[in-house]
Amino acid sequence: MSLDKFKKFQKEKIELVVSVKRIWGYTRVSSKEQSNNYSLTEQEQDLKLFAKKNDYELEQILGGSYESASGDFSRKEFKRLIDEVRKSKKRPFAIAIKFISRFSRTGDNAIGIVQELVEKMGVHLIETSTGLTTENEFDRLEVYKKLLEAKKENLDRLEKTLPGMKALLKDGNWLGKVPRGYTLRGRKVTDYSKLQEHQEILINEEGELLKKAWKWKLMGERDFVIMEKLENLGLKISKQSLSNMWRKPFYCGVIVNALLDEPAKGKWKPIVSETDFWKIQEELDKNKVNSKKEFIKSKVHNKRPLTGFLRCECGEPLTSYEVNKKKLHYYKCQKCKEVSFNAITTTKSKSKGLNNLFEDLLANYTLNNQFIEPLKLQLKKLFDTMNNEGLQELKSLEAKKVEVEKNLENLELRNISNLDFSQVTYKNFKNKFKSELELINEKIEDASQKISNHKNFIDKSIAILQNTSKIWSEGDIENKIRIQKLVFPEGLSIKAKNRQYLTNKVNQLFVLVSSIKGLSGEIGNEKVGDDADLSPLVAGTGLEPVTLLT
């Protein structure tokens, strides 16, 4: 019997369709020098050639940058690669790299990532230089072995270079990229125009502007104001970058590195002195503590400038809010639930607004015209006394400058007249004298600046003292806050019952004005001459230049 009848039970023949496997590529180098010498390009070409020979569809090549493989998810491009695979709806068959060491050098951590790729996501790893693939169990073990070897290579290399790196740091040299504001010259540079035998770190044009930023910070300026000032001078810097800069000891010439047991002195010229650096750190730490203790839920508003600055009797800083329908502003104590104050006096308000009461308080610290010239005279006398020490220092510096210039001149004459004079000795002494001269000139400039600043300080002080209340009431939110902190550095408290302000500490200059106003009441309508003796009031105030509005 023929079996042809049984053909109707036979299933249709299945034709095998070979689908093209999609792969992604990944390239990496560990330094900018390698990036510039076509290493990345060579890796890309190798991946494309491998895909073509093995009938793979190379969809995209990720990486393409210089990143150290000693960490995995600290690498921006590597993290991007893994994230792309995780969120992709159509995951690739494999990730192709020329060498396994280009994927990672973290050893066991890298093995964990590969296991996640292969076992959880079904994405393999292919080394194009050898053809190893995690699709094959034996090859997978070889890939793991290579990942461990890559980590061992890193550790061996580190063991050899670590002592030299430590010695370099202890000697005052810097490792890696220098912070913003400086230019690095030496052997480890990417710009060959800056290549030289010994390391040299110089303040550049940006650095000169950042010097001003440190001075402004020392004067109490807020970061966003400093950012605006720098931008006006042509330097754009982000809030995060500026905030990070304040915490970098590099700027005061100190090296802090995990390789060192203790900080070391750097060989570069600092932008800020160590003393000023630590003054700023104290303020930053104080602000950090205050921000934790005094979290203000509501934002400071121009109609509610006393938010956070003003405290309830219980010690809690006042928050503030707006009743949108009525467009009315209020201050409130979050601890004492029934304590609430209107911010502004209106026709319907039962009590005077806290803003208006604050204006009245500032009026007590406003200088009458009749006392302007006498106060100027007394302040000048005070600063002249304070300047005596500065003038003596300036005189000493000028004498030292003449001495060093004479030494430099004698050195030049000796070099010209004595043909046997050692050039090494000549250069060493010349560099020594020039360094001394540069340092003396800087000190002279600083001393002169302090002396000349006193006149400017007096003029600005008088301008503010005449119009303290007006400047506050008519100013924008920033000027309001600055006036508040200027007059009352530690803030104010208020009694809820009678709305009376309680002052903890008042700037000495404004205490002086208040005292003069008391004297004015005793004098009555008598005209006060320029030579009026206000020294009993001025003396002993401990008066120092305050941060003024700019």
Protein backbone atom coordinates (compact mmCIF):
# COMPACT_ATOMS: atom_id res chain seq x y z
CA MET A 1 0.00 0.00 0.00
CA SER A 2 1.26 3.44 -0.89
CA LEU A 3 2.06 5.74 1.98
CA ASP A 4 1.18 8.87 0.00
CA LYS A 5 -2.23 8.99 1.65
CA PHE A 6 -0.55 9.75 4.95
CA LYS A 7 0.94 13.00 3.58
CA LYS A 8 -2.17 14.88 4.66
CA PHE A 9 -1.14 14.28 8.28
CA GLN A 10 2.33 15.63 7.65
CA LYS A 11 2.98 19.15 8.98
CA GLU A 12 4.16 21.83 6.63
CA LYS A 13 7.93 21.90 6.33
CA ILE A 14 9.50 24.57 8.52
CA GLU A 15 12.08 26.69 6.78
CA LEU A 16 14.74 28.04 9.14
CA VAL A 17 15.10 31.82 8.87
CA VAL A 18 18.40 33.08 10.17
CA SER A 19 17.85 36.46 11.80
CA VAL A 20 20.67 38.97 11.99
CA LYS A 21 21.78 39.43 15.59
CA ARG A 22 21.88 43.01 16.80
CA ILE A 23 24.83 44.12 18.92
CA TRP A 24 26.04 47.32 20.58
CA GLY A 25 29.63 48.44 20.82
CA TYR A 26 31.51 50.06 23.71
CA THR A 27 34.85 51.90 23.54
CA ARG A 28 36.95 53.50 26.26
CA VAL A 29 40.41 54.85 26.97
CA SER A 30 41.81 55.76 30.38
CA SER A 31 43.46 59.11 29.58
CA LYS A 32 43.05 62.17 27.40
CA GLU A 33 46.40 61.41 25.74
CA GLN A 34 45.03 58.08 24.51
CA SER A 35 41.90 59.86 23.34
CA ASN A 36 43.99 62.20 21.21
CA ASN A 37 46.15 59.48 19.62
CA TYR A 38 43.32 57.76 17.71
CA SER A 39 42.92 54.84 20.17
CA LEU A 40 39.14 55.33 20.27
CA THR A 41 38.94 55.52 16.48
CA GLU A 42 40.95 52.30 16.17
CA GLN A 43 38.59 50.53 18.61
CA GLU A 44 35.52 51.68 16.66
CA GLN A 45 36.99 50.45 13.37
CA ASP A 46 37.74 47.07 14.96
CA LEU A 47 34.13 46.74 16.21
CA LYS A 48 32.70 47.59 12.78
CA LEU A 49 34.99 45.11 11.04
CA PHE A 50 34.11 42.36 13.55
CA ALA A 51 30.37 42.96 13.06
CA LYS A 52 30.71 42.84 9.27
CA LYS A 53 32.76 39.60 9.28
CA ASN A 54 30.40 37.81 11.68
CA ASP A 55 27.09 39.04 10.21
CA TYR A 56 26.13 41.15 13.22
CA GLU A 57 24.14 44.36 12.95
CA LEU A 58 26.08 46.99 14.91
CA GLU A 59 23.28 49.31 16.05
CA GLN A 60 25.29 51.85 18.03
CA ILE A 61 28.64 52.44 19.71
CA LEU A 62 28.57 53.91 23.21
CA GLY A 63 31.40 55.22 25.38
CA GLY A 64 33.84 57.09 23.16
CA SER A 65 35.50 58.93 26.03
CA TYR A 66 38.40 58.72 28.46
CA GLU A 67 37.32 57.30 31.84
CA SER A 68 39.24 55.37 34.46
CA ALA A 69 38.04 51.76 34.76
CA SER A 70 38.95 51.54 38.46
CA GLY A 71 35.30 52.38 39.21
CA ASP A 72 32.17 51.29 37.35
CA PHE A 73 29.14 53.45 38.04
CA SER A 74 31.33 56.47 38.74
CA ARG A 75 31.98 56.39 34.97
CA LYS A 76 29.40 58.50 33.19
CA GLU A 77 29.51 56.69 29.83
CA PHE A 78 29.69 53.21 31.37
CA LYS A 79 26.67 53.96 33.56
CA ARG A 80 24.86 55.24 30.47
CA LEU A 81 25.61 51.95 28.65
CA ILE A 82 24.20 49.77 31.44
CA ASP A 83 21.18 52.07 31.93
CA GLU A 84 20.43 51.99 28.18
CA VAL A 85 20.47 48.18 28.21
CA ARG A 86 18.23 48.00 31.28
CA LYS A 87 15.53 50.31 29.92
CA SER A 88 15.68 49.14 26.28
CA LYS A 89 12.56 47.34 25.02
CA LYS A 90 14.63 45.61 22.32
CA ARG A 91 17.82 44.64 24.06
CA PRO A 92 20.87 43.78 21.95
CA PHE A 93 22.15 40.23 21.65
CA ALA A 94 25.53 41.34 22.96
CA ILE A 95 27.85 44.21 23.86
CA ALA A 96 31.07 44.08 21.84
CA ILE A 97 34.38 45.45 23.14
CA LYS A 98 37.85 45.06 21.69
CA PHE A 99 39.48 44.08 25.00
CA ILE A 100 37.75 42.87 28.18
CA SER A 101 39.88 45.33 30.20
CA ARG A 102 38.15 48.18 28.31
CA PHE A 103 34.86 47.04 29.85
CA SER A 104 36.03 47.20 33.48
CA ARG A 105 38.96 46.71 35.86
CA THR A 106 36.94 46.24 39.05
CA GLY A 107 37.25 42.43 39.07
CA ASP A 108 34.50 40.85 41.19
CA ASN A 109 32.23 43.90 40.76
CA ALA A 110 32.58 43.64 36.98
CA ILE A 111 31.76 39.91 37.11
CA GLY A 112 28.55 40.78 38.99
CA ILE A 113 27.57 43.24 36.23
CA VAL A 114 28.28 40.67 33.49
CA GLN A 115 26.21 38.05 35.33
CA GLU A 116 23.30 40.51 35.53
CA LEU A 117 23.61 41.26 31.80
CA VAL A 118 23.76 37.60 30.78
CA GLU A 119 21.47 35.85 33.26
CA LYS A 120 18.82 38.52 33.94
CA MET A 121 18.76 40.52 30.71
CA GLY A 122 19.98 37.98 28.16
CA VAL A 123 22.71 40.30 26.88
CA HIS A 124 26.13 38.76 26.22
CA LEU A 125 29.65 40.17 26.19
CA ILE A 126 31.95 39.66 23.19
CA GLU A 127 35.69 40.37 23.08
CA THR A 128 36.30 41.14 19.39
CA SER A 129 40.10 40.75 19.56
CA THR A 130 39.80 37.06 20.58
CA GLY A 131 36.20 36.13 19.73
CA LEU A 132 35.44 35.17 23.34
CA THR A 133 31.70 35.34 24.11
CA THR A 134 29.69 34.71 27.27
CA GLU A 135 27.20 32.76 25.12
CA ASN A 136 29.63 29.87 25.52
CA GLU A 137 29.97 28.56 29.12
CA PHE A 138 33.72 27.90 28.81
CA ASP A 139 34.32 31.30 27.19
CA ARG A 140 32.31 32.91 29.96
CA LEU A 141 34.72 31.55 32.55
CA GLU A 142 37.61 32.92 30.47
CA VAL A 143 35.93 36.35 30.39
CA TYR A 144 35.59 36.28 34.20
CA LYS A 145 39.26 35.32 34.46
CA LYS A 146 40.27 38.26 32.26
CA LEU A 147 38.20 40.67 34.37
CA LEU A 148 40.04 39.50 37.50
CA GLU A 149 43.39 39.80 35.71
CA ALA A 150 42.54 43.38 34.70
CA LYS A 151 41.98 44.26 38.35
CA LYS A 152 45.24 42.54 39.35
CA GLU A 153 47.11 44.58 36.71
CA ASN A 154 45.70 47.76 38.25
CA LEU A 155 46.74 46.71 41.76
CA ASP A 156 50.25 45.77 40.59
CA ARG A 157 50.60 49.10 38.80
CA LEU A 158 49.36 50.96 41.87
CA GLU A 159 51.83 49.14 44.12
CA LYS A 160 54.71 50.33 41.93
CA THR A 161 53.56 53.93 41.52
CA LEU A 162 52.11 54.61 44.99
CA PRO A 163 55.41 55.45 46.78
CA GLY A 164 56.36 57.89 44.01
CA MET A 165 52.93 59.54 44.12
CA LYS A 166 53.15 59.98 47.90
CA ALA A 167 56.62 61.51 47.63
CA LEU A 168 55.41 63.87 44.92
CA LEU A 169 52.53 65.08 47.10
CA LYS A 170 54.68 65.48 50.22
CA ASP A 171 57.04 67.63 48.17
CA GLY A 172 54.17 70.06 47.47
CA ASN A 173 53.24 68.94 43.95
CA TRP A 174 49.70 68.37 42.70
CA LEU A 175 48.28 65.18 41.17
CA GLY A 176 45.61 65.40 38.49
CA LYS A 177 43.71 68.32 37.05
CA VAL A 178 44.14 71.64 38.87
CA PRO A 179 41.00 73.45 40.10
CA ARG A 180 39.48 76.34 38.20
CA GLY A 181 41.52 79.54 38.26
CA TYR A 182 44.89 77.85 37.84
CA THR A 183 47.03 76.67 34.91
CA LEU A 184 49.24 73.60 35.22
CA ARG A 185 52.63 73.36 33.55
CA GLY A 186 54.84 70.28 33.75
CA ARG A 187 55.29 66.79 32.34
CA LYS A 188 51.74 65.52 32.95
CA VAL A 189 49.85 67.95 30.70
CA THR A 190 47.59 67.44 27.68
CA ASP A 191 48.42 70.82 26.15
CA TYR A 192 51.95 70.41 24.82
CA SER A 193 52.54 74.18 24.89
CA LYS A 194 52.55 73.82 28.70
CA LEU A 195 55.04 70.95 28.68
CA GLN A 196 58.12 71.49 30.87
CA GLU A 197 60.45 69.51 33.14
CA HIS A 198 59.24 70.69 36.56
CA GLN A 199 55.66 71.21 37.73
CA GLU A 200 54.47 74.81 37.96
CA ILE A 201 50.96 75.93 38.92
CA LEU A 202 50.07 79.52 38.05
CA ILE A 203 47.05 81.73 38.74
CA ASN A 204 45.38 82.53 35.40
CA GLU A 205 42.93 85.30 34.39
CA GLU A 206 39.98 83.41 35.89
CA GLY A 207 41.99 83.00 39.07
CA GLU A 208 42.41 86.76 39.41
CA LEU A 209 38.62 87.11 39.25
CA LEU A 210 38.12 84.26 41.72
CA LYS A 211 40.38 86.16 44.13
CA LYS A 212 37.68 88.83 44.20
CA ALA A 213 35.05 86.14 44.83
CA TRP A 214 36.90 84.96 47.96
CA LYS A 215 37.14 88.57 49.20
CA TRP A 216 33.41 89.09 48.62
CA LYS A 217 32.63 85.85 50.45
CA LEU A 218 34.78 87.02 53.36
CA MET A 219 32.74 90.23 53.45
CA GLY A 220 29.57 88.17 53.84
CA GLU A 221 28.21 88.34 50.28
CA ARG A 222 25.72 85.64 49.32
CA ASP A 223 26.69 83.21 46.58
CA PHE A 224 24.17 84.35 43.98
CA VAL A 225 25.35 87.97 44.40
CA ILE A 226 28.96 86.81 43.88
CA MET A 227 27.85 84.90 40.77
CA GLU A 228 26.24 88.05 39.36
CA LYS A 229 29.33 90.14 40.08
CA LEU A 230 31.59 87.58 38.42
CA GLU A 231 29.31 87.38 35.39
CA ASN A 232 29.48 91.17 35.05
CA LEU A 233 33.27 90.77 34.93
CA GLY A 234 32.96 88.10 32.22
CA LEU A 235 33.20 84.92 34.32
CA LYS A 236 30.24 82.53 34.44
CA ILE A 237 30.26 79.99 37.26
CA SER A 238 27.47 77.68 38.43
CA LYS A 239 26.05 77.74 41.94
CA GLN A 240 27.37 74.22 42.59
CA SER A 241 30.88 75.04 41.34
CA LEU A 242 31.05 78.15 43.52
CA SER A 243 29.75 76.27 46.55
CA ASN A 244 32.34 73.51 46.01
CA MET A 245 35.14 76.07 45.64
CA TRP A 246 34.66 77.38 49.20
CA ARG A 247 35.48 73.91 50.55
CA LYS A 248 38.71 73.32 48.59
CA PRO A 249 41.93 73.80 50.63
CA PHE A 250 43.81 73.93 47.30
CA TYR A 251 42.88 77.62 47.02
CA CYS A 252 44.80 78.44 50.21
CA GLY A 253 47.81 76.43 49.05
CA VAL A 254 47.21 73.21 50.98
CA ILE A 255 47.17 69.62 49.67
CA VAL A 256 44.63 67.22 51.17
CA ASN A 257 44.84 63.78 49.58
CA ALA A 258 43.79 60.26 50.61
CA LEU A 259 47.34 59.07 49.87
CA LEU A 260 48.75 61.35 52.58
CA ASP A 261 48.48 60.75 56.32
CA GLU A 262 48.30 64.50 56.91
CA PRO A 263 47.89 67.67 54.77
CA ALA A 264 50.93 69.10 52.99
CA LYS A 265 51.90 72.61 51.90
CA GLY A 266 51.56 73.16 48.14
CA LYS A 267 54.17 74.90 46.01
CA TRP A 268 51.71 77.17 44.21
CA LYS A 269 50.62 80.71 45.09
CA PRO A 270 47.31 80.67 47.01
CA ILE A 271 44.29 82.73 46.01
CA VAL A 272 43.18 83.14 49.63
CA SER A 273 45.18 83.09 52.88
CA GLU A 274 44.78 80.17 55.30
CA THR A 275 43.40 82.57 57.94
CA ASP A 276 40.69 83.88 55.60
CA PHE A 277 39.95 80.35 54.34
CA TRP A 278 39.17 79.22 57.89
CA LYS A 279 37.06 82.32 58.58
CA ILE A 280 34.91 81.36 55.61
CA GLN A 281 34.75 77.72 56.80
CA GLU A 282 33.45 78.90 60.19
CA GLU A 283 30.69 80.88 58.48
CA LEU A 284 29.81 77.97 56.20
CA ASP A 285 29.63 75.58 59.16
CA LYS A 286 27.54 78.07 61.10
CA ASN A 287 25.14 78.47 58.18
CA LYS A 288 24.93 74.70 57.80
CA VAL A 289 23.96 74.26 61.46
CA ASN A 290 21.49 77.14 61.28
CA SER A 291 19.87 75.74 58.15
CA LYS A 292 19.21 72.47 60.00
CA LYS A 293 17.93 74.14 63.16
CA GLU A 294 16.02 76.92 61.49
CA PHE A 295 14.34 75.35 58.49
CA ILE A 296 11.99 77.97 57.09
CA LYS A 297 9.07 76.45 55.23
CA SER A 298 8.04 79.62 53.42
CA LYS A 299 10.22 81.49 50.96
CA VAL A 300 11.43 84.99 51.80
CA HIS A 301 9.22 87.52 50.03
CA ASN A 302 9.74 91.25 49.47
CA LYS A 303 6.61 91.90 51.55
CA ARG A 304 7.90 89.57 54.30
CA PRO A 305 11.66 90.32 54.58
CA LEU A 306 11.81 89.51 58.30
CA THR A 307 11.08 85.79 57.65
CA GLY A 308 13.65 83.70 59.52
CA PHE A 309 15.46 86.83 60.73
CA LEU A 310 12.83 87.54 63.37
CA ARG A 311 12.22 85.15 66.28
CA CYS A 312 9.32 84.55 68.59
CA GLU A 313 9.86 84.88 72.38
CA CYS A 314 10.10 81.08 72.49
CA GLY A 315 13.19 81.25 70.28
CA GLU A 316 11.56 79.80 67.16
CA PRO A 317 12.22 81.72 63.91
CA LEU A 318 9.07 83.17 62.37
CA THR A 319 7.79 81.74 59.10
CA SER A 320 5.47 83.72 56.83
CA TYR A 321 2.60 83.29 54.41
CA GLU A 322 0.16 85.19 52.20
CA VAL A 323 -3.64 85.08 52.22
CA ASN A 324 -4.10 85.02 48.46
CA LYS A 325 -7.71 86.21 48.31
CA LYS A 326 -7.02 89.32 50.39
CA LYS A 327 -3.38 89.76 49.30
CA LEU A 328 -2.41 90.11 52.96
CA HIS A 329 0.94 89.00 54.38
CA TYR A 330 1.55 87.51 57.83
CA TYR A 331 4.36 86.23 60.07
CA LYS A 332 3.72 83.17 62.21
CA CYS A 333 5.42 81.09 64.91
CA GLN A 334 5.11 77.38 64.09
CA LYS A 335 5.66 76.44 67.73
CA CYS A 336 3.28 78.92 69.39
CA LYS A 337 0.25 78.23 67.23
CA GLU A 338 -1.70 81.33 68.30
CA VAL A 339 1.17 83.74 67.64
CA SER A 340 0.58 85.51 64.32
CA PHE A 341 1.45 89.04 63.17
CA ASN A 342 0.34 91.13 60.21
CA ALA A 343 3.38 92.16 58.15
CA ILE A 344 2.02 95.48 56.85
CA THR A 345 -0.21 98.11 58.44
CA THR A 346 -3.53 98.47 56.60
CA THR A 347 -6.66 100.54 57.24
CA LYS A 348 -8.40 97.45 58.61
CA SER A 349 -5.53 96.06 60.69
CA LYS A 350 -5.93 96.24 64.46
CA SER A 351 -2.20 96.46 65.11
CA LYS A 352 0.75 98.07 63.40
CA GLY A 353 2.52 95.71 60.98
CA LEU A 354 5.90 94.24 61.94
CA ASN A 355 7.51 95.75 58.82
CA ASN A 356 6.36 99.22 59.86
CA LEU A 357 7.52 98.66 63.43
CA PHE A 358 10.91 97.61 62.07
CA GLU A 359 11.13 100.87 60.08
CA ASP A 360 10.46 102.77 63.32
CA LEU A 361 13.19 100.77 65.05
CA LEU A 362 15.70 101.59 62.30
CA ALA A 363 14.80 105.28 62.62
CA ASN A 364 16.43 105.18 66.07
CA TYR A 365 19.70 104.34 64.32
CA THR A 366 19.49 107.10 61.70
CA LEU A 367 22.04 109.91 62.00
CA ASN A 368 20.87 113.55 62.22
CA ASN A 369 22.49 115.93 59.72
CA GLN A 370 23.94 118.12 62.49
CA PHE A 371 26.19 115.25 63.63
CA ILE A 372 27.54 114.17 60.22
CA GLU A 373 30.75 116.23 60.15
CA PRO A 374 31.63 115.72 63.84
CA LEU A 375 31.18 111.97 63.42
CA LYS A 376 33.29 111.95 60.26
CA LEU A 377 36.04 113.78 62.13
CA GLN A 378 35.94 111.40 65.08
CA LEU A 379 35.91 108.34 62.83
CA LYS A 380 38.91 109.73 60.95
CA LYS A 381 40.76 110.23 64.26
CA LEU A 382 39.88 106.70 65.28
CA PHE A 383 41.12 105.20 62.01
CA ASP A 384 44.26 107.34 62.08
CA THR A 385 45.06 105.73 65.42
CA MET A 386 44.26 102.31 64.00
CA ASN A 387 46.40 103.12 60.94
CA ASN A 388 49.54 103.90 62.95
CA GLU A 389 50.41 100.23 63.16
CA GLY A 390 49.62 99.79 59.46
CA LEU A 391 51.76 102.78 58.51
CA GLN A 392 54.68 101.42 60.52
CA GLU A 393 54.30 98.08 58.74
CA LEU A 394 54.14 99.86 55.37
CA LYS A 395 57.29 101.83 56.17
CA SER A 396 59.11 98.63 57.15
CA LEU A 397 58.00 96.89 53.95
CA GLU A 398 59.14 99.80 51.78
CA ALA A 399 62.60 99.67 53.43
CA LYS A 400 62.76 95.92 52.90
CA LYS A 401 61.82 96.39 49.25
CA VAL A 402 64.69 98.86 48.72
CA GLU A 403 67.08 96.39 50.36
CA VAL A 404 66.03 93.47 48.13
CA GLU A 405 66.14 95.65 44.99
CA LYS A 406 69.68 96.68 45.95
CA ASN A 407 70.66 93.01 46.41
CA LEU A 408 69.24 92.21 42.98
CA GLU A 409 71.11 95.11 41.41
CA ASN A 410 74.41 94.02 43.04
CA LEU A 411 73.85 90.47 41.80
CA GLU A 412 73.42 91.69 38.22
CA LEU A 413 76.61 93.80 38.46
CA ARG A 414 78.56 90.86 39.85
CA ASN A 415 77.31 88.60 37.06
CA ILE A 416 78.40 91.10 34.40
CA SER A 417 81.78 91.97 35.92
CA ASN A 418 82.84 88.47 37.01
CA LEU A 419 83.06 86.07 34.06
CA ASP A 420 83.79 83.15 36.41
CA PHE A 421 80.60 83.72 38.39
CA SER A 422 78.55 80.48 38.44
CA GLN A 423 75.37 80.79 36.36
CA VAL A 424 73.63 78.24 38.57
CA THR A 425 74.36 80.37 41.65
CA TYR A 426 73.31 83.50 39.75
CA LYS A 427 69.95 82.02 38.70
CA ASN A 428 69.25 80.64 42.18
CA PHE A 429 69.86 84.00 43.88
CA LYS A 430 67.99 85.90 41.17
CA ASN A 431 64.91 83.69 41.59
CA LYS A 432 65.18 84.03 45.39
CA PHE A 433 65.33 87.84 45.28
CA LYS A 434 62.52 88.05 42.72
CA SER A 435 60.27 85.84 44.86
CA GLU A 436 61.01 87.99 47.92
CA LEU A 437 60.26 91.14 45.93
CA GLU A 438 56.97 89.75 44.66
CA LEU A 439 55.89 88.80 48.19
CA ILE A 440 56.87 92.24 49.57
CA ASN A 441 54.93 94.02 46.80
CA GLU A 442 51.83 91.98 47.61
CA LYS A 443 52.11 92.88 51.30
CA ILE A 444 52.60 96.56 50.42
CA GLU A 445 49.49 96.46 48.22
CA ASP A 446 47.43 94.83 51.00
CA ALA A 447 48.65 97.29 53.64
CA SER A 448 47.98 100.29 51.36
CA GLN A 449 44.53 98.94 50.52
CA LYS A 450 43.57 98.67 54.19
CA ILE A 451 44.63 102.26 54.85
CA SER A 452 42.91 103.72 51.76
CA ASN A 453 39.74 101.70 52.44
CA HIS A 454 39.08 103.63 55.66
CA LYS A 455 38.10 106.85 53.84
CA ASN A 456 35.80 104.92 51.54
CA PHE A 457 34.36 103.14 54.57
CA ILE A 458 33.62 106.43 56.36
CA ASP A 459 31.84 107.92 53.31
CA LYS A 460 29.74 104.80 52.76
CA SER A 461 28.96 104.50 56.46
CA ILE A 462 27.67 108.07 56.67
CA ALA A 463 25.52 107.58 53.54
CA ILE A 464 23.85 104.56 55.14
CA LEU A 465 23.60 106.05 58.63
CA GLN A 466 21.70 109.05 57.24
CA ASN A 467 19.10 106.90 55.48
CA THR A 468 19.04 103.51 57.22
CA SER A 469 15.26 103.29 57.55
CA LYS A 470 14.64 104.68 54.04
CA ILE A 471 17.16 102.35 52.37
CA TRP A 472 15.47 99.39 54.03
CA SER A 473 11.88 100.38 53.19
CA GLU A 474 12.64 101.28 49.55
CA GLY A 475 15.16 98.51 48.85
CA ASP A 476 14.60 95.17 47.14
CA ILE A 477 14.55 91.97 49.16
CA GLU A 478 18.33 91.52 49.04
CA ASN A 479 19.08 95.04 50.29
CA LYS A 480 16.46 94.62 53.02
CA ILE A 481 18.13 91.43 54.24
CA ARG A 482 21.58 93.01 54.09
CA ILE A 483 20.47 96.06 56.12
CA GLN A 484 18.81 93.78 58.68
CA LYS A 485 21.98 91.72 59.14
CA LEU A 486 24.16 94.82 59.08
CA VAL A 487 22.34 96.53 61.95
CA PHE A 488 21.37 93.40 63.91
CA PRO A 489 23.96 90.67 63.13
CA GLU A 490 22.27 88.09 65.39
CA GLY A 491 18.69 88.88 64.38
CA LEU A 492 15.80 90.13 66.52
CA SER A 493 13.15 88.73 68.84
CA ILE A 494 9.65 90.08 69.37
CA LYS A 495 7.21 90.03 72.29
CA ALA A 496 3.82 88.89 71.03
CA LYS A 497 1.84 90.73 73.70
CA ASN A 498 2.99 94.32 73.02
CA ARG A 499 4.86 93.77 69.72
CA GLN A 500 8.08 95.10 71.18
CA TYR A 501 11.36 94.26 69.45
CA LEU A 502 14.14 92.79 71.60
CA THR A 503 17.67 93.40 70.33
CA ASN A 504 20.39 90.89 71.16
CA LYS A 505 23.37 92.50 69.46
CA VAL A 506 23.62 95.75 67.49
CA ASN A 507 26.45 96.70 65.14
CA GLN A 508 28.77 99.04 67.08
CA LEU A 509 28.52 101.76 64.44
CA PHE A 510 24.75 101.94 64.92
CA VAL A 511 25.13 101.82 68.72
CA LEU A 512 27.32 104.89 68.30
CA VAL A 513 24.59 106.67 66.30
CA SER A 514 21.99 105.83 68.92
CA SER A 515 24.30 107.22 71.63
CA ILE A 516 24.83 110.41 69.62
CA LYS A 517 21.06 110.82 69.28
CA GLY A 518 20.85 110.58 73.06
CA LEU A 519 23.48 113.32 73.30
CA SER A 520 21.45 115.33 70.78
CA GLY A 521 18.50 115.24 73.16
CA GLU A 522 20.65 116.69 75.94
CA ILE A 523 22.01 119.45 73.67
CA GLY A 524 18.53 120.41 72.48
CA ASN A 525 18.40 123.01 69.71
CA GLU A 526 22.04 124.06 70.03
CA LYS A 527 24.02 123.98 66.79
CA VAL A 528 26.78 121.40 66.87
CA GLY A 529 30.11 122.43 65.35
CA ASP A 530 32.46 120.26 63.28
CA ASP A 531 34.87 120.21 66.19
CA ALA A 532 32.31 118.83 68.64
CA ASP A 533 33.98 116.30 70.88
CA LEU A 534 32.32 112.93 70.29
CA SER A 535 35.39 110.98 71.33
CA PRO A 536 33.83 109.67 74.57
CA LEU A 537 31.21 107.98 72.40
CA VAL A 538 33.58 106.78 69.69
CA ALA A 539 36.32 105.53 72.00
CA GLY A 540 36.06 101.99 73.28
CA THR A 541 33.41 100.83 70.81
CA GLY A 542 35.74 98.26 69.29
CA LEU A 543 34.61 99.70 65.96
CA GLU A 544 35.77 97.87 62.86
CA PRO A 545 34.79 98.37 59.21
CA VAL A 546 31.48 96.65 58.55
CA THR A 547 30.25 95.09 55.34
CA LEU A 548 28.45 97.86 53.50
CA LEU A 549 26.00 97.91 50.61
CA THR A 550 27.64 98.01 47.19
